């Protein structure tokens, strides 16, 4: 039952967004991409703050690119943001058959083999634009616990949780450490994306694109349990649909050295990003926390 609070005028734009998402799932994939990219071109002009953040991030991470190449990648990124509207709609409301039809799966045996072993499983991911759809796709064949950060918009947060749980997913807040540990101990695979800057607390500085980035240490701490496999997972859009791929579980992880482990996971995520840079979440201030004495990457933003 919907809380009466959500019928306040401030939630009207969210209700309109939800209606558009429910309509959007009926649009064929190629048309979703076409419409989404054109929406993204509009967003590029409407949101100068995010455009500046993306430009700074890409300039820092791809120092070999000239100004024109950086701006071209930023524009492609905003097109991907536009497409993500439909991808999120598909994650919450599309039929399983539609999603299954769009999937090309590679090396799923790394996940299924780990599940047979009966230990804990951490599915290591990063914030690509089809993020929510990648979570939904996992739930088509497997019971997965999604570790998520609650949205500031309480109505949209409720819709997100309901959309993914209705399709078989399990939702655990990123602040609920006890529930996360319990899931791992019970051999329930957790889907985890540790690639955002959450400040100094619980983080170490480790290189990402050659930049010292504040990187949370929770991944290696959670993997301390006996027989816990950390499996890199990547979900990106292609011309024909979506490529879902798994890599071999990390070896000698955790090592007992938090910086070494953070450097390891950052390198894996960096490799994923380099293959499909326009689909990564560049509008997040990934380098907002700097080592002492280093200047702010995002002054006045």
Protein backbone atom coordinates (compact mmCIF):
# COMPACT_ATOMS: atom_id res chain seq x y z
CA UNK A 1 0.00 0.00 0.00
CA UNK A 2 1.31 3.44 -0.98
CA UNK A 3 1.95 5.82 1.93
CA UNK A 4 -0.33 8.87 1.81
CA UNK A 5 2.79 10.99 2.20
CA UNK A 6 3.67 10.25 -1.41
CA UNK A 7 0.57 12.04 -2.67
CA UNK A 8 1.97 15.41 -1.66
CA UNK A 9 2.54 17.88 -4.53
CA UNK A 10 6.35 17.57 -4.22
CA UNK A 11 6.11 13.98 -5.46
CA UNK A 12 4.15 14.86 -8.61
CA UNK A 13 7.27 14.90 -10.84
CA UNK A 14 8.23 11.48 -9.49
CA UNK A 15 4.79 10.06 -10.29
CA UNK A 16 5.08 11.44 -13.82
CA UNK A 17 8.50 9.82 -14.14
CA UNK A 18 7.11 6.49 -12.93
CA UNK A 19 4.26 6.70 -15.48
CA UNK A 20 6.74 7.42 -18.29
CA UNK A 21 8.88 4.48 -17.18
CA UNK A 22 5.90 2.12 -17.22
CA UNK A 23 5.09 3.27 -20.76
CA UNK A 24 8.73 3.17 -21.84
CA UNK A 25 9.15 -0.57 -21.23
CA UNK A 26 6.86 -1.31 -24.19
CA UNK A 27 9.19 0.46 -26.62
CA UNK A 28 11.53 -1.89 -28.56
CA UNK A 29 15.21 -1.88 -27.58
CA UNK A 30 16.57 -0.08 -30.64
CA UNK A 31 13.96 2.66 -30.34
CA UNK A 32 14.71 3.00 -26.62
CA UNK A 33 18.37 3.57 -27.48
CA UNK A 34 17.49 6.09 -30.21
CA UNK A 35 15.13 8.05 -27.97
CA UNK A 36 17.47 7.80 -24.98
CA UNK A 37 20.45 9.17 -26.86
CA UNK A 38 18.42 12.16 -28.01
CA UNK A 39 17.23 12.73 -24.44
CA UNK A 40 20.86 12.63 -23.39
CA UNK A 41 21.78 15.31 -25.91
CA UNK A 42 19.18 17.51 -24.23
CA UNK A 43 20.49 16.66 -20.75
CA UNK A 44 23.99 17.71 -21.88
CA UNK A 45 22.73 21.28 -22.24
CA UNK A 46 20.32 21.26 -19.30
CA UNK A 47 22.73 20.14 -16.57
CA UNK A 48 25.95 22.20 -16.75
CA UNK A 49 27.11 21.15 -13.26
CA UNK A 50 27.11 17.46 -14.15
CA UNK A 51 28.68 18.29 -17.50
CA UNK A 52 31.56 20.02 -15.69
CA UNK A 53 32.06 17.09 -13.30
CA UNK A 54 32.12 14.57 -16.17
CA UNK A 55 34.56 16.72 -18.12
CA UNK A 56 36.95 17.00 -15.16
CA UNK A 57 36.80 13.27 -14.44
CA UNK A 58 37.46 12.29 -18.05
CA UNK A 59 40.26 14.84 -18.41
CA UNK A 60 41.95 13.45 -15.30
CA UNK A 61 41.48 9.79 -16.20
CA UNK A 62 42.33 10.09 -19.90
CA UNK A 63 45.20 12.57 -19.95
CA UNK A 64 46.16 11.34 -23.43
CA UNK A 65 42.94 12.74 -24.92
CA UNK A 66 42.86 16.25 -26.34
CA UNK A 67 40.10 18.75 -25.60
CA UNK A 68 37.96 17.74 -28.58
CA UNK A 69 38.22 14.05 -27.69
CA UNK A 70 37.28 14.76 -24.07
CA UNK A 71 34.21 16.77 -25.08
CA UNK A 72 33.18 14.08 -27.57
CA UNK A 73 33.34 11.43 -24.83
CA UNK A 74 31.38 13.64 -22.43
CA UNK A 75 28.64 14.02 -25.06
CA UNK A 76 28.53 10.25 -25.61
CA UNK A 77 28.32 9.79 -21.86
CA UNK A 78 25.25 12.02 -21.65
CA UNK A 79 23.67 10.03 -24.46
CA UNK A 80 24.25 6.94 -22.33
CA UNK A 81 22.62 8.70 -19.37
CA UNK A 82 19.56 9.27 -21.54
CA UNK A 83 19.40 5.60 -22.51
CA UNK A 84 19.70 4.65 -18.83
CA UNK A 85 16.20 6.04 -18.27
CA UNK A 86 14.81 3.17 -20.34
CA UNK A 87 17.26 0.68 -18.84
CA UNK A 88 16.09 1.55 -15.35
CA UNK A 89 12.47 1.30 -16.51
CA UNK A 90 13.21 -2.16 -17.91
CA UNK A 91 14.84 -3.16 -14.62
CA UNK A 92 11.72 -2.28 -12.62
CA UNK A 93 8.87 -3.08 -14.99
CA UNK A 94 9.88 -5.14 -18.05
CA UNK A 95 8.90 -8.78 -18.45
CA UNK A 96 11.62 -11.38 -17.94
CA UNK A 97 11.24 -12.50 -21.56
CA UNK A 98 12.16 -9.07 -22.92
CA UNK A 99 15.31 -8.85 -20.83
CA UNK A 100 16.38 -12.45 -21.50
CA UNK A 101 16.08 -11.88 -25.22
CA UNK A 102 18.59 -9.01 -25.07
CA UNK A 103 21.27 -10.85 -23.08
CA UNK A 104 24.54 -12.32 -24.25
CA UNK A 105 26.16 -14.09 -21.28
CA UNK A 106 29.86 -14.91 -21.04
CA UNK A 107 31.65 -17.08 -18.46
CA UNK A 108 28.65 -17.55 -16.19
CA UNK A 109 30.29 -20.75 -14.97
CA UNK A 110 32.52 -18.70 -12.67
CA UNK A 111 29.40 -17.73 -10.71
CA UNK A 112 27.65 -21.10 -10.86
CA UNK A 113 30.81 -22.99 -9.86
CA UNK A 114 31.28 -20.70 -6.86
CA UNK A 115 27.66 -21.24 -5.86
CA UNK A 116 28.19 -25.01 -5.95
CA UNK A 117 31.17 -24.66 -3.60
CA UNK A 118 28.86 -23.34 -0.90
CA UNK A 119 30.98 -20.44 0.29
CA UNK A 120 30.30 -16.73 0.32
CA UNK A 121 30.16 -14.85 -2.99
CA UNK A 122 30.76 -11.17 -3.71
CA UNK A 123 29.83 -10.13 -7.24
CA UNK A 124 32.16 -7.18 -7.84
CA UNK A 125 30.68 -4.54 -10.12
CA UNK A 126 30.97 -0.86 -10.99
CA UNK A 127 28.58 1.97 -11.73
CA UNK A 128 27.88 1.66 -15.43
CA UNK A 129 24.72 3.31 -16.70
CA UNK A 130 22.76 0.02 -17.15
CA UNK A 131 23.44 -0.63 -13.45
CA UNK A 132 19.91 -1.46 -12.33
CA UNK A 133 19.21 -3.59 -15.38
CA UNK A 134 22.40 -5.52 -14.67
CA UNK A 135 21.04 -6.30 -11.23
CA UNK A 136 17.69 -7.40 -12.62
CA UNK A 137 19.42 -9.57 -15.22
CA UNK A 138 21.28 -11.44 -12.48
CA UNK A 139 17.97 -12.22 -10.79
CA UNK A 140 16.58 -13.94 -13.87
CA UNK A 141 18.41 -17.15 -12.99
CA UNK A 142 19.89 -16.61 -9.54
CA UNK A 143 18.83 -15.40 -6.11
CA UNK A 144 21.02 -12.36 -5.49
CA UNK A 145 21.20 -9.82 -2.66
CA UNK A 146 21.63 -6.29 -3.99
CA UNK A 147 23.63 -3.97 -1.74
CA UNK A 148 22.19 -0.52 -2.37
CA UNK A 149 22.27 3.03 -1.11
CA UNK A 150 18.74 4.35 -0.33
CA UNK A 151 17.64 7.17 -2.62
CA UNK A 152 17.04 10.65 -1.23
CA UNK A 153 13.66 10.65 -2.96
CA UNK A 154 11.71 8.30 -0.70
CA UNK A 155 9.05 7.52 -3.30
CA UNK A 156 11.61 6.59 -5.94
CA UNK A 157 13.48 4.55 -3.36
CA UNK A 158 10.30 2.59 -2.64
CA UNK A 159 9.72 2.03 -6.36
CA UNK A 160 13.32 0.84 -6.85
CA UNK A 161 13.13 -1.65 -3.99
CA UNK A 162 9.71 -2.92 -5.05
CA UNK A 163 10.74 -3.22 -8.69
CA UNK A 164 13.76 -5.39 -7.94
CA UNK A 165 12.19 -7.48 -5.18
CA UNK A 166 9.17 -8.23 -7.38
CA UNK A 167 11.56 -9.83 -9.85
CA UNK A 168 13.15 -12.04 -7.21
CA UNK A 169 16.00 -9.86 -5.96
CA UNK A 170 16.80 -9.29 -2.29
CA UNK A 171 17.59 -5.73 -1.22
CA UNK A 172 20.02 -4.90 1.61
CA UNK A 173 20.94 -1.34 2.56
CA UNK A 174 24.66 -0.61 2.37
CA UNK A 175 24.54 0.55 5.99
CA UNK A 176 23.16 -2.80 7.22
CA UNK A 177 26.50 -4.52 7.82
CA UNK A 178 24.97 -7.33 9.88
CA UNK A 179 22.59 -8.30 7.08
CA UNK A 180 25.40 -8.21 4.51
CA UNK A 181 27.63 -10.45 6.63
CA UNK A 182 24.72 -12.81 7.29
CA UNK A 183 24.05 -13.10 3.54
CA UNK A 184 27.69 -13.99 2.88
CA UNK A 185 27.75 -16.56 5.68
CA UNK A 186 24.57 -18.12 4.28
CA UNK A 187 26.15 -18.40 0.80
CA UNK A 188 23.75 -15.83 -0.63
CA UNK A 189 25.65 -14.01 -3.41
CA UNK A 190 25.80 -10.26 -2.90
CA UNK A 191 26.03 -7.77 -5.76
CA UNK A 192 28.41 -5.01 -4.71
CA UNK A 193 29.71 -1.87 -6.43
CA UNK A 194 32.51 -0.28 -4.33
CA UNK A 195 33.61 2.39 -6.81
CA UNK A 196 32.23 5.58 -5.28
CA UNK A 197 33.98 8.15 -3.10
CA UNK A 198 32.39 7.91 0.35
CA UNK A 199 35.01 10.02 2.14
CA UNK A 200 37.97 9.11 4.35
CA UNK A 201 36.10 6.91 6.79
CA UNK A 202 36.53 3.23 5.96
CA UNK A 203 38.64 4.08 2.90
CA UNK A 204 42.25 4.02 1.77
CA UNK A 205 43.90 5.82 -1.12
CA UNK A 206 44.60 3.51 -4.06
CA UNK A 207 45.37 4.27 -7.71
CA UNK A 208 42.58 4.52 -10.25
CA UNK A 209 43.68 5.70 -13.68
CA UNK A 210 46.93 6.70 -11.96
CA UNK A 211 45.08 8.96 -9.51
CA UNK A 212 45.05 8.35 -5.77
CA UNK A 213 41.34 7.69 -5.19
CA UNK A 214 39.58 7.21 -1.85
CA UNK A 215 38.51 3.56 -2.10
CA UNK A 216 36.34 1.80 0.45
CA UNK A 217 37.92 -1.20 2.15
CA UNK A 218 34.65 -3.03 2.75
CA UNK A 219 35.20 -5.40 -0.18
CA UNK A 220 38.30 -7.01 1.33
CA UNK A 221 36.87 -6.90 4.86
CA UNK A 222 33.70 -8.69 3.75
CA UNK A 223 35.76 -11.28 1.87
CA UNK A 224 37.68 -12.32 5.00
CA UNK A 225 35.31 -15.19 5.61
CA UNK A 226 36.39 -18.71 4.76
CA UNK A 227 35.90 -19.70 1.11
CA UNK A 228 34.47 -16.36 -0.02
CA UNK A 229 34.84 -15.84 -3.77
CA UNK A 230 35.07 -12.31 -5.22
CA UNK A 231 33.90 -12.50 -8.84
CA UNK A 232 34.24 -9.46 -11.17
CA UNK A 233 31.02 -8.77 -13.07
CA UNK A 234 30.43 -6.42 -15.99
CA UNK A 235 27.14 -5.47 -17.63
CA UNK A 236 27.25 -3.12 -20.60
CA UNK A 237 25.07 -2.15 -23.55
CA UNK A 238 25.92 -3.31 -27.08
CA UNK A 239 24.35 -2.63 -30.46
CA UNK A 240 22.19 -5.72 -30.11
CA UNK A 241 21.37 -5.71 -26.41
CA UNK A 242 23.50 -6.33 -23.33
CA UNK A 243 26.72 -8.18 -22.64
CA UNK A 244 26.82 -9.83 -19.22
CA UNK A 245 30.26 -11.19 -18.34
CA UNK A 246 31.94 -12.78 -15.34
CA UNK A 247 35.65 -13.19 -14.61
CA UNK A 248 37.54 -15.74 -12.55
CA UNK A 249 37.42 -15.26 -8.76
CA UNK A 250 40.25 -13.11 -7.43
CA UNK A 251 43.26 -15.05 -6.23
CA UNK A 252 44.95 -14.38 -2.87
CA UNK A 253 42.19 -11.98 -1.95
CA UNK A 254 42.01 -10.52 0.58
CA UNK A 255 45.76 -10.29 1.05
CA UNK A 256 45.72 -8.65 4.47
CA UNK A 257 46.99 -5.40 2.94
CA UNK A 258 44.05 -3.00 2.49
CA UNK A 259 45.86 -0.74 0.02
CA UNK A 260 46.98 -3.70 -2.09
CA UNK A 261 43.45 -5.10 -2.15
CA UNK A 262 41.92 -1.71 -3.03
CA UNK A 263 44.50 -1.28 -5.80
CA UNK A 264 43.57 -4.72 -7.11
CA UNK A 265 39.83 -4.04 -7.31
CA UNK A 266 40.42 -0.55 -8.74
CA UNK A 267 42.52 -2.05 -11.52
CA UNK A 268 39.76 -4.51 -12.37
CA UNK A 269 37.17 -1.74 -12.50
CA UNK A 270 39.51 0.48 -14.52
CA UNK A 271 39.95 -2.28 -17.09
CA UNK A 272 36.17 -2.57 -17.40
CA UNK A 273 35.78 1.19 -17.78
CA UNK A 274 38.46 1.50 -20.47
CA UNK A 275 36.53 -0.92 -22.68
CA UNK A 276 33.28 1.11 -22.51
CA UNK A 277 34.15 4.56 -21.11
CA UNK A 278 31.01 6.35 -22.31
CA UNK A 279 28.80 4.05 -20.20
CA UNK A 280 30.55 4.70 -16.89
CA UNK A 281 29.11 7.08 -14.26
CA UNK A 282 31.35 10.09 -14.85
CA UNK A 283 28.96 12.59 -13.25
CA UNK A 284 29.89 11.29 -9.78
CA UNK A 285 32.67 13.25 -8.04
CA UNK A 286 34.87 10.18 -7.80
CA UNK A 287 37.94 12.12 -6.68
CA UNK A 288 36.36 14.58 -4.25
CA UNK A 289 38.38 13.22 -1.30
CA UNK A 290 42.04 14.10 -1.81
CA UNK A 291 45.19 13.07 0.06
CA UNK A 292 46.39 15.75 2.46
CA UNK A 293 47.95 18.64 0.63
CA UNK A 294 46.45 17.89 -2.79
CA UNK A 295 44.14 20.42 -4.44
CA UNK A 296 40.42 19.97 -4.96
CA UNK A 297 39.48 18.52 -8.35
CA UNK A 298 36.07 20.19 -8.29
CA UNK A 299 36.45 23.78 -7.01
CA UNK A 300 33.14 25.62 -6.75
CA UNK A 301 31.15 22.62 -8.05
